[in-house]
């Protein structure tokens, strides 16, 4: 499943959200139609593919302690944190 992440310069995951793009489903007047992170200075937003092993809300709550994001040639990948 593809997710949006905000990371720092070391690849530490600071925020996780749905993949950027159009928000589907019923909406009321004034509801947002798109989702995207706006990172602050020193932060970077990327789209990352999460494996099926990290599928539950519980997994997502702890993924910042077990994984980091590595960016190579503009492509962001989730990898286990070194121990």
PDB file of N, CA and C in Angstrom:
ATOM      1  N   UNK A   1       0.851  -1.170   0.000  1.00  0.00           N
ATOM      2  CA  UNK A   1       0.000   0.000   0.000  1.00  0.00           C
ATOM      3  C   UNK A   1       0.894   1.229   0.000  1.00  0.00           C
ATOM      4  N   UNK A   2       0.584   2.166  -0.828  1.00  0.00           N
ATOM      5  CA  UNK A   2       1.363   3.390  -0.943  1.00  0.00           C
ATOM      6  C   UNK A   2       0.869   4.400   0.095  1.00  0.00           C
ATOM      7  N   UNK A   3       1.831   5.033   0.783  1.00  0.00           N
ATOM      8  CA  UNK A   3       1.540   6.040   1.801  1.00  0.00           C
ATOM      9  C   UNK A   3       2.419   7.256   1.585  1.00  0.00           C
ATOM     10  N   UNK A   4       1.948   8.384   2.045  1.00  0.00           N
ATOM     11  CA  UNK A   4       2.765   9.594   2.090  1.00  0.00           C
ATOM     12  C   UNK A   4       3.498   9.608   3.424  1.00  0.00           C
ATOM     13  N   UNK A   5       4.753  10.020   3.396  1.00  0.00           N
ATOM     14  CA  UNK A   5       5.516  10.165   4.633  1.00  0.00           C
ATOM     15  C   UNK A   5       6.238  11.499   4.622  1.00  0.00           C
ATOM     16  N   UNK A   6       6.471  12.021   5.808  1.00  0.00           N
ATOM     17  CA  UNK A   6       7.355  13.166   5.988  1.00  0.00           C
ATOM     18  C   UNK A   6       8.539  12.642   6.781  1.00  0.00           C
ATOM     19  N   UNK A   7       9.750  12.930   6.288  1.00  0.00           N
ATOM     20  CA  UNK A   7      10.964  12.463   6.952  1.00  0.00           C
ATOM     21  C   UNK A   7      11.900  13.635   7.198  1.00  0.00           C
ATOM     22  N   UNK A   8      12.886  13.403   8.088  1.00  0.00           N
ATOM     23  CA  UNK A   8      13.937  14.401   8.281  1.00  0.00           C
ATOM     24  C   UNK A   8      15.135  14.005   7.410  1.00  0.00           C
ATOM     25  N   UNK A   9      16.248  14.710   7.548  1.00  0.00           N
ATOM     26  CA  UNK A   9      17.421  14.457   6.706  1.00  0.00           C
ATOM     27  C   UNK A   9      18.062  13.087   6.952  1.00  0.00           C
ATOM     28  N   UNK A  10      17.786  12.458   8.095  1.00  0.00           N
ATOM     29  CA  UNK A  10      18.322  11.140   8.399  1.00  0.00           C
ATOM     30  C   UNK A  10      17.369  10.013   7.998  1.00  0.00           C
ATOM     31  N   UNK A  11      16.206  10.354   7.452  1.00  0.00           N
ATOM     32  CA  UNK A  11      15.239   9.345   7.042  1.00  0.00           C
ATOM     33  C   UNK A  11      14.271   8.934   8.132  1.00  0.00           C
ATOM     34  N   UNK A  12      14.324   9.602   9.279  1.00  0.00           N
ATOM     35  CA  UNK A  12      13.392   9.310  10.368  1.00  0.00           C
ATOM     36  C   UNK A  12      11.984   9.709   9.947  1.00  0.00           C
ATOM     37  N   UNK A  13      11.039   8.815  10.145  1.00  0.00           N
ATOM     38  CA  UNK A  13       9.654   9.067   9.769  1.00  0.00           C
ATOM     39  C   UNK A  13       9.006   9.971  10.813  1.00  0.00           C
ATOM     40  N   UNK A  14       8.529  11.122  10.380  1.00  0.00           N
ATOM     41  CA  UNK A  14       7.891  12.086  11.273  1.00  0.00           C
ATOM     42  C   UNK A  14       6.376  12.053  11.172  1.00  0.00           C
ATOM     43  N   UNK A  15       5.850  11.682  10.005  1.00  0.00           N
ATOM     44  CA  UNK A  15       4.397  11.631   9.795  1.00  0.00           C
ATOM     45  C   UNK A  15       4.091  10.631   8.688  1.00  0.00           C
ATOM     46  N   UNK A  16       2.932   9.979   8.816  1.00  0.00           N
ATOM     47  CA  UNK A  16       2.451   9.027   7.812  1.00  0.00           C
ATOM     48  C   UNK A  16       1.005   9.377   7.501  1.00  0.00           C
ATOM     49  N   UNK A  17       0.663   9.343   6.241  1.00  0.00           N
ATOM     50  CA  UNK A  17      -0.711   9.618   5.831  1.00  0.00           C
ATOM     51  C   UNK A  17      -1.057   8.825   4.594  1.00  0.00           C
ATOM     52  N   UNK A  18      -2.261   8.990   4.114  1.00  0.00           N
ATOM     53  CA  UNK A  18      -2.625   8.315   2.865  1.00  0.00           C
ATOM     54  C   UNK A  18      -1.797   8.872   1.714  1.00  0.00           C
ATOM     55  N   UNK A  19      -1.725   8.129   0.638  1.00  0.00           N
ATOM     56  CA  UNK A  19      -0.996   8.608  -0.536  1.00  0.00           C
ATOM     57  C   UNK A  19      -1.572   9.952  -0.975  1.00  0.00           C
ATOM     58  N   UNK A  20      -0.723  10.812  -1.437  1.00  0.00           N
ATOM     59  CA  UNK A  20      -1.166  12.130  -1.906  1.00  0.00           C
ATOM     60  C   UNK A  20      -2.129  11.963  -3.072  1.00  0.00           C
ATOM     61  N   UNK A  21      -3.049  12.865  -3.158  1.00  0.00           N
ATOM     62  CA  UNK A  21      -3.958  12.832  -4.296  1.00  0.00           C
ATOM     63  C   UNK A  21      -5.380  13.165  -3.913  1.00  0.00           C
ATOM     64  N   UNK A  22      -6.270  12.837  -4.816  1.00  0.00           N
ATOM     65  CA  UNK A  22      -7.684  13.139  -4.652  1.00  0.00           C
ATOM     66  C   UNK A  22      -8.296  12.298  -3.535  1.00  0.00           C
ATOM     67  N   UNK A  23      -9.117  12.927  -2.709  1.00  0.00           N
ATOM     68  CA  UNK A  23      -9.840  12.246  -1.639  1.00  0.00           C
ATOM     69  C   UNK A  23     -11.164  11.769  -2.213  1.00  0.00           C
ATOM     70  N   UNK A  24     -11.380  10.478  -2.170  1.00  0.00           N
ATOM     71  CA  UNK A  24     -12.603   9.895  -2.722  1.00  0.00           C
ATOM     72  C   UNK A  24     -13.690   9.808  -1.654  1.00  0.00           C
ATOM     73  N   UNK A  25     -14.925   9.658  -2.077  1.00  0.00           N
ATOM     74  CA  UNK A  25     -16.039   9.476  -1.157  1.00  0.00           C
ATOM     75  C   UNK A  25     -16.923  10.710  -1.075  1.00  0.00           C
ATOM     76  N   UNK A  26     -17.965  10.593  -0.256  1.00  0.00           N
ATOM     77  CA  UNK A  26     -18.900  11.707  -0.107  1.00  0.00           C
ATOM     78  C   UNK A  26     -18.230  12.869   0.593  1.00  0.00           C
ATOM     79  N   UNK A  27     -18.590  14.058   0.162  1.00  0.00           N
ATOM     80  CA  UNK A  27     -18.041  15.259   0.762  1.00  0.00           C
ATOM     81  C   UNK A  27     -19.151  16.281   0.977  1.00  0.00           C
ATOM     82  N   UNK A  28     -18.980  17.048   1.995  1.00  0.00           N
ATOM     83  CA  UNK A  28     -19.901  18.158   2.226  1.00  0.00           C
ATOM     84  C   UNK A  28     -19.285  19.423   1.644  1.00  0.00           C
ATOM     85  N   UNK A  29     -20.058  20.453   1.518  1.00  0.00           N
ATOM     86  CA  UNK A  29     -19.561  21.718   0.967  1.00  0.00           C
ATOM     87  C   UNK A  29     -18.374  22.211   1.787  1.00  0.00           C
ATOM     88  N   UNK A  30     -17.306  22.550   1.125  1.00  0.00           N
ATOM     89  CA  UNK A  30     -16.115  23.061   1.803  1.00  0.00           C
ATOM     90  C   UNK A  30     -15.137  21.995   2.242  1.00  0.00           C
ATOM     91  N   UNK A  31     -15.462  20.714   2.059  1.00  0.00           N
ATOM     92  CA  UNK A  31     -14.560  19.632   2.458  1.00  0.00           C
ATOM     93  C   UNK A  31     -13.364  19.591   1.504  1.00  0.00           C
ATOM     94  N   UNK A  32     -12.188  19.174   2.000  1.00  0.00           N
ATOM     95  CA  UNK A  32     -11.026  19.106   1.115  1.00  0.00           C
ATOM     96  C   UNK A  32     -11.223  18.064   0.019  1.00  0.00           C
ATOM     97  N   UNK A  33     -10.631  18.302  -1.125  1.00  0.00           N
ATOM     98  CA  UNK A  33     -10.737  17.366  -2.244  1.00  0.00           C
ATOM     99  C   UNK A  33      -9.419  16.662  -2.533  1.00  0.00           C
ATOM    100  N   UNK A  34      -8.306  17.161  -1.973  1.00  0.00           N
ATOM    101  CA  UNK A  34      -7.002  16.553  -2.185  1.00  0.00           C
ATOM    102  C   UNK A  34      -6.233  16.500  -0.868  1.00  0.00           C
ATOM    103  N   UNK A  35      -5.284  15.562  -0.801  1.00  0.00           N
ATOM    104  CA  UNK A  35      -4.430  15.416   0.377  1.00  0.00           C
ATOM    105  C   UNK A  35      -2.975  15.508  -0.064  1.00  0.00           C
ATOM    106  N   UNK A  36      -2.179  16.255   0.671  1.00  0.00           N
ATOM    107  CA  UNK A  36      -0.726  16.307   0.472  1.00  0.00           C
ATOM    108  C   UNK A  36      -0.105  16.912   1.722  1.00  0.00           C
ATOM    109  N   UNK A  37       1.076  16.420   2.091  1.00  0.00           N
ATOM    110  CA  UNK A  37       1.819  17.008   3.199  1.00  0.00           C
ATOM    111  C   UNK A  37       2.589  18.230   2.713  1.00  0.00           C
ATOM    112  N   UNK A  38       2.730  19.211   3.574  1.00  0.00           N
ATOM    113  CA  UNK A  38       3.560  20.381   3.309  1.00  0.00           C
ATOM    114  C   UNK A  38       4.680  20.380   4.347  1.00  0.00           C
ATOM    115  N   UNK A  39       5.820  19.786   4.012  1.00  0.00           N
ATOM    116  CA  UNK A  39       6.898  19.676   4.998  1.00  0.00           C
ATOM    117  C   UNK A  39       7.498  21.030   5.354  1.00  0.00           C
ATOM    118  N   UNK A  40       8.033  21.110   6.562  1.00  0.00           N
ATOM    119  CA  UNK A  40       8.703  22.322   7.035  1.00  0.00           C
ATOM    120  C   UNK A  40      10.179  22.264   6.645  1.00  0.00           C
ATOM    121  N   UNK A  41      10.910  23.299   6.986  1.00  0.00           N
ATOM    122  CA  UNK A  41      12.342  23.344   6.694  1.00  0.00           C
ATOM    123  C   UNK A  41      13.032  22.127   7.309  1.00  0.00           C
ATOM    124  N   UNK A  42      13.891  21.477   6.532  1.00  0.00           N
ATOM    125  CA  UNK A  42      14.610  20.295   7.016  1.00  0.00           C
ATOM    126  C   UNK A  42      13.812  19.016   6.926  1.00  0.00           C
ATOM    127  N   UNK A  43      12.601  19.085   6.423  1.00  0.00           N
ATOM    128  CA  UNK A  43      11.746  17.912   6.249  1.00  0.00           C
ATOM    129  C   UNK A  43      11.483  17.691   4.763  1.00  0.00           C
ATOM    130  N   UNK A  44      11.126  16.446   4.425  1.00  0.00           N
ATOM    131  CA  UNK A  44      10.889  16.087   3.033  1.00  0.00           C
ATOM    132  C   UNK A  44       9.679  15.169   2.951  1.00  0.00           C
ATOM    133  N   UNK A  45       8.819  15.387   1.975  1.00  0.00           N
ATOM    134  CA  UNK A  45       7.644  14.528   1.760  1.00  0.00           C
ATOM    135  C   UNK A  45       7.934  13.568   0.608  1.00  0.00           C
ATOM    136  N   UNK A  46       7.549  12.300   0.798  1.00  0.00           N
ATOM    137  CA  UNK A  46       7.758  11.273  -0.225  1.00  0.00           C
ATOM    138  C   UNK A  46       6.575  10.321  -0.235  1.00  0.00           C
ATOM    139  N   UNK A  47       6.430   9.613  -1.333  1.00  0.00           N
ATOM    140  CA  UNK A  47       5.479   8.501  -1.439  1.00  0.00           C
ATOM    141  C   UNK A  47       6.290   7.227  -1.260  1.00  0.00           C
ATOM    142  N   UNK A  48       5.842   6.349  -0.366  1.00  0.00           N
ATOM    143  CA  UNK A  48       6.576   5.116  -0.071  1.00  0.00           C
ATOM    144  C   UNK A  48       5.611   3.937  -0.129  1.00  0.00           C
ATOM    145  N   UNK A  49       6.083   2.848  -0.708  1.00  0.00           N
ATOM    146  CA  UNK A  49       5.307   1.605  -0.742  1.00  0.00           C
ATOM    147  C   UNK A  49       5.547   0.852   0.563  1.00  0.00           C
ATOM    148  N   UNK A  50       4.458   0.580   1.294  1.00  0.00           N
ATOM    149  CA  UNK A  50       4.544  -0.195   2.532  1.00  0.00           C
ATOM    150  C   UNK A  50       4.176  -1.635   2.215  1.00  0.00           C
ATOM    151  N   UNK A  51       4.948  -2.582   2.736  1.00  0.00           N
ATOM    152  CA  UNK A  51       4.675  -3.999   2.484  1.00  0.00           C
ATOM    153  C   UNK A  51       3.406  -4.429   3.214  1.00  0.00           C
ATOM    154  N   UNK A  52       2.875  -5.569   2.826  1.00  0.00           N
ATOM    155  CA  UNK A  52       1.682  -6.105   3.486  1.00  0.00           C
ATOM    156  C   UNK A  52       1.949  -6.435   4.949  1.00  0.00           C
ATOM    157  N   UNK A  53       3.220  -6.601   5.326  1.00  0.00           N
ATOM    158  CA  UNK A  53       3.576  -6.881   6.719  1.00  0.00           C
ATOM    159  C   UNK A  53       3.331  -5.674   7.620  1.00  0.00           C
ATOM    160  N   UNK A  54       3.235  -4.491   7.021  1.00  0.00           N
ATOM    161  CA  UNK A  54       2.970  -3.257   7.770  1.00  0.00           C
ATOM    162  C   UNK A  54       1.608  -2.754   7.304  1.00  0.00           C
ATOM    163  N   UNK A  55       0.579  -3.488   7.676  1.00  0.00           N
ATOM    164  CA  UNK A  55      -0.748  -3.208   7.126  1.00  0.00           C
ATOM    165  C   UNK A  55      -1.747  -2.703   8.157  1.00  0.00           C
ATOM    166  N   UNK A  56      -1.539  -3.014   9.422  1.00  0.00           N
ATOM    167  CA  UNK A  56      -2.525  -2.631  10.427  1.00  0.00           C
ATOM    168  C   UNK A  56      -2.208  -1.252  10.999  1.00  0.00           C
ATOM    169  N   UNK A  57      -3.188  -0.657  11.610  1.00  0.00           N
ATOM    170  CA  UNK A  57      -2.985   0.635  12.269  1.00  0.00           C
ATOM    171  C   UNK A  57      -1.914   0.500  13.346  1.00  0.00           C
ATOM    172  N   UNK A  58      -1.919  -0.602  14.065  1.00  0.00           N
ATOM    173  CA  UNK A  58      -0.916  -0.847  15.109  1.00  0.00           C
ATOM    174  C   UNK A  58       0.498  -0.846  14.516  1.00  0.00           C
ATOM    175  N   UNK A  59       0.666  -1.503  13.361  1.00  0.00           N
ATOM    176  CA  UNK A  59       1.970  -1.507  12.690  1.00  0.00           C
ATOM    177  C   UNK A  59       2.384  -0.086  12.310  1.00  0.00           C
ATOM    178  N   UNK A  60       1.452   0.676  11.763  1.00  0.00           N
ATOM    179  CA  UNK A  60       1.757   2.047  11.340  1.00  0.00           C
ATOM    180  C   UNK A  60       2.107   2.943  12.521  1.00  0.00           C
ATOM    181  N   UNK A  61       1.506   2.673  13.691  1.00  0.00           N
ATOM    182  CA  UNK A  61       1.805   3.473  14.878  1.00  0.00           C
ATOM    183  C   UNK A  61       3.254   3.308  15.325  1.00  0.00           C
ATOM    184  N   UNK A  62       3.860   2.158  15.018  1.00  0.00           N
ATOM    185  CA  UNK A  62       5.210   1.866  15.502  1.00  0.00           C
ATOM    186  C   UNK A  62       6.267   1.851  14.406  1.00  0.00           C
ATOM    187  N   UNK A  63       5.877   2.018  13.157  1.00  0.00           N
ATOM    188  CA  UNK A  63       6.835   1.886  12.059  1.00  0.00           C
ATOM    189  C   UNK A  63       7.972   2.898  12.161  1.00  0.00           C
ATOM    190  N   UNK A  64       7.745   4.052  12.758  1.00  0.00           N
ATOM    191  CA  UNK A  64       8.822   5.039  12.887  1.00  0.00           C
ATOM    192  C   UNK A  64       9.935   4.563  13.817  1.00  0.00           C
ATOM    193  N   UNK A  65       9.652   3.570  14.674  1.00  0.00           N
ATOM    194  CA  UNK A  65      10.677   3.035  15.569  1.00  0.00           C
ATOM    195  C   UNK A  65      11.398   1.835  14.958  1.00  0.00           C
ATOM    196  N   UNK A  66      10.815   1.207  13.958  1.00  0.00           N
ATOM    197  CA  UNK A  66      11.391  -0.004  13.377  1.00  0.00           C
ATOM    198  C   UNK A  66      11.971   0.201  11.978  1.00  0.00           C
ATOM    199  N   UNK A  67      11.559   1.276  11.312  1.00  0.00           N
ATOM    200  CA  UNK A  67      11.990   1.525   9.934  1.00  0.00           C
ATOM    201  C   UNK A  67      12.381   2.985   9.738  1.00  0.00           C
ATOM    202  N   UNK A  68      13.048   3.231   8.631  1.00  0.00           N
ATOM    203  CA  UNK A  68      13.341   4.593   8.192  1.00  0.00           C
ATOM    204  C   UNK A  68      13.169   4.621   6.678  1.00  0.00           C
ATOM    205  N   UNK A  69      13.263   5.798   6.099  1.00  0.00           N
ATOM    206  CA  UNK A  69      13.128   5.951   4.653  1.00  0.00           C
ATOM    207  C   UNK A  69      14.487   6.329   4.080  1.00  0.00           C
ATOM    208  N   UNK A  70      14.881   5.599   3.071  1.00  0.00           N
ATOM    209  CA  UNK A  70      16.129   5.890   2.363  1.00  0.00           C
ATOM    210  C   UNK A  70      15.762   6.406   0.980  1.00  0.00           C
ATOM    211  N   UNK A  71      16.362   7.520   0.582  1.00  0.00           N
ATOM    212  CA  UNK A  71      16.081   8.108  -0.720  1.00  0.00           C
ATOM    213  C   UNK A  71      17.332   7.965  -1.584  1.00  0.00           C
ATOM    214  N   UNK A  72      17.170   7.265  -2.711  1.00  0.00           N
ATOM    215  CA  UNK A  72      18.264   7.065  -3.651  1.00  0.00           C
ATOM    216  C   UNK A  72      17.788   7.501  -5.028  1.00  0.00           C
ATOM    217  N   UNK A  73      18.496   8.440  -5.618  1.00  0.00           N
ATOM    218  CA  UNK A  73      18.162   8.964  -6.941  1.00  0.00           C
ATOM    219  C   UNK A  73      16.697   9.393  -7.028  1.00  0.00           C
ATOM    220  N   UNK A  74      16.222  10.038  -5.967  1.00  0.00           N
ATOM    221  CA  UNK A  74      14.857  10.558  -5.940  1.00  0.00           C
ATOM    222  C   UNK A  74      13.784   9.550  -5.603  1.00  0.00           C
ATOM    223  N   UNK A  75      14.154   8.288  -5.432  1.00  0.00           N
ATOM    224  CA  UNK A  75      13.177   7.233  -5.107  1.00  0.00           C
ATOM    225  C   UNK A  75      13.268   6.887  -3.621  1.00  0.00           C
ATOM    226  N   UNK A  76      12.137   6.983  -2.925  1.00  0.00           N
ATOM    227  CA  UNK A  76      12.091   6.723  -1.490  1.00  0.00           C
ATOM    228  C   UNK A  76      11.705   5.270  -1.232  1.00  0.00           C
ATOM    229  N   UNK A  77      12.448   4.607  -0.335  1.00  0.00           N
ATOM    230  CA  UNK A  77      12.175   3.218   0.011  1.00  0.00           C
ATOM    231  C   UNK A  77      12.189   3.056   1.528  1.00  0.00           C
ATOM    232  N   UNK A  78      11.295   2.229   2.011  1.00  0.00           N
ATOM    233  CA  UNK A  78      11.237   1.910   3.431  1.00  0.00           C
ATOM    234  C   UNK A  78      12.262   0.819   3.717  1.00  0.00           C
ATOM    235  N   UNK A  79      13.057   0.979   4.778  1.00  0.00           N
ATOM    236  CA  UNK A  79      14.025  -0.039   5.154  1.00  0.00           C
ATOM    237  C   UNK A  79      14.074  -0.173   6.673  1.00  0.00           C
ATOM    238  N   UNK A  80      14.436  -1.351   7.175  1.00  0.00           N
ATOM    239  CA  UNK A  80      14.538  -1.522   8.624  1.00  0.00           C
ATOM    240  C   UNK A  80      15.609  -0.597   9.190  1.00  0.00           C
ATOM    241  N   UNK A  81      15.364  -0.108  10.407  1.00  0.00           N
ATOM    242  CA  UNK A  81      16.364   0.718  11.093  1.00  0.00           C
ATOM    243  C   UNK A  81      17.528  -0.165  11.518  1.00  0.00           C
ATOM    244  N   UNK A  82      18.747   0.345  11.411  1.00  0.00           N
ATOM    245  CA  UNK A  82      19.883  -0.424  11.935  1.00  0.00           C
ATOM    246  C   UNK A  82      19.760  -0.549  13.451  1.00  0.00           C
ATOM    247  N   UNK A  83      20.193  -1.659  13.963  1.00  0.00           N
ATOM    248  CA  UNK A  83      20.120  -1.868  15.421  1.00  0.00           C
ATOM    249  C   UNK A  83      21.413  -1.573  16.092  1.00  0.00           C
TER     250      UNK A  83
END
